[in-house]
Amino acid sequence: MPISSFHGVETALRGLLAQQRAIDITGQNIANASTPGYSRQRVETSASHALSINVAGGRAQLGQGVDVTGIERIRDRFADVQFRAQNAKLGEAQTKASLLGQAELAFSEPGDKGLSAQLNRFWSSWSDVANSPTSISGRQVLLDTAKGLATSFANLDDQLATVQKQAQAEFDNITAAGGPIDLAVQEIAELNEAIGTAIGRGDAPNDLLDRRDLLLDKLSGFAQVRTEPTLDGNGAPIPGQLDVYLGTDATPLVSGGQSRSPFSLSFAATGPGSGSLGALAAVASPTGPIAEYRAQLAQSAQEIAGAVNGVHQAAGGPPIFTVPAGAPVSGVPQRPLEVGAGIDPAKGGSLDAIVAGSTSVNDVATAIAALRGKTGDQRYRALVGKLGSEVAEANREEATAQTLAGALQDRRDSVSGVSPDEEMANLVKFQRGYQASARVLSTMDEMLDTLINRTGRVGL
């Protein structure tokens, strides 16, 4: 078939437009180099359908330039899955380290404001009474240190209980209607609808896909995220739509364009991948680490009270301490210790009741002072040591999880992240391509000008 003289113009124009689209996408990448969740894009091109022409000895294919076939979003789905799994571990480790750190601060050990220092003052006050059995001031100091010890036990227990309550409140806030999970799943459902509609009409909704992936990354910090294609009534995948599962919950929070709200979560409260929700649930649990600390603290208080009361009552005196019979919290008394009413004038007692009835005040006070470092003290020191070890381990796990998450993020960025240096190199390449296509177009224009305006003129 005959070839139009304008064929080359069309070929050059297609090249010009393709290079222009490539420059536009490069500019888009550069503009979003620091945008969270943005995936770099690339223009996809292919050679235009060739034109069959007659040539000497047969037929040949004459190219017609280039076509832009799409704009590809560069993304590694496997890297996304790996990062989200590690992000759940990071969320768990960070939350656990933070909460146990709060518990460690409550103990204030080592230091002169901690319970160990208060115990030392208490035992020392008995030594002072033994040295001066008839001293009223010595007995008053003993009473004050006993009150201080009881208050220290109670305050420490209250602070640990506060950590539990804060963990439960944070868990409730995250999972409540209108909370971050609820808002995220509702937006994902809306994005599913928009993405499915766009794909159905042949569009490539790259920005919508980026936003959905960013929300999935956010959810992965709360608990392990799992996605599956949304199926239609015939069991076939719906293009572009996902079902989203959180933790070990068997029911999806998002199914296509529908979100489950309000929702309840069932997931493993502990173990790898349980996310920040798992750590919060574990700390708030009546069988969690904070509850265990409170139980050991109460046991230490009761052992100290039992030992002191045993010696004092055997000498004929009233109990120095009483353990309140208030309603327990997770099996732990609300107030671990109180000073006995028999020796507290504010409660009708008398300082004279200290080692009252004993023929040897010195012996009783010396025997009680000798309880320093016994079972109750040892249990408290073991508790402090255990807490310190668990905090150190939690911090180590957090550092390890942070390193691994950072490495996976770097790997993901190496695929989908924007490299300004690479984009600048591409910009130069596409600019040169644009200039070359423009030069072809100018050349074709000059040829046509010669053909149309000068062909046949005498003297040329």
Foldseek 3Di string as FASTA:
>chain_A
DDDDLCLLLQQLVQLLVQLVVQLVLLVVQVVCQPPPLFFRKGWDKDWPAWDWDDDVPGIDTHTRHMDGPAIDGFFDVVLLQVLLLLLQQLQLLVLLLVLLVQLLVLQPPPDCPHLVVLVVQLLVLLVVCLVPVVDPVSLVSNLVSLQVNLVRLLSSLVSLLVSLVVLVVVLCQCLDCVHLVNVLQLVLLVLLVVQLVQVVVPHDPSVSVSVNSSSSSVLSQQFRKDKDFAADPVRHGRPRFIFIDGAPDPHTCHHRNDGDPNDDDDHQLDDRGGHNSSNSCQSNDLPHPSVVLLVLSLVLLVVLQVQLQVLLVVLVAHRQKDADPDDADSPHRSRSIDGDLQCDVVNVHHSCRRSPNHPRSSVSSVSSSVCPPPDSNVSVVVSSVVSVVVSVVSVVSSVVSVVVSVVSVVVRCVGGRRDPVVSVVSSVVSVVSSVVSVVSSVVSVVVVCCVPPPPPDPPD
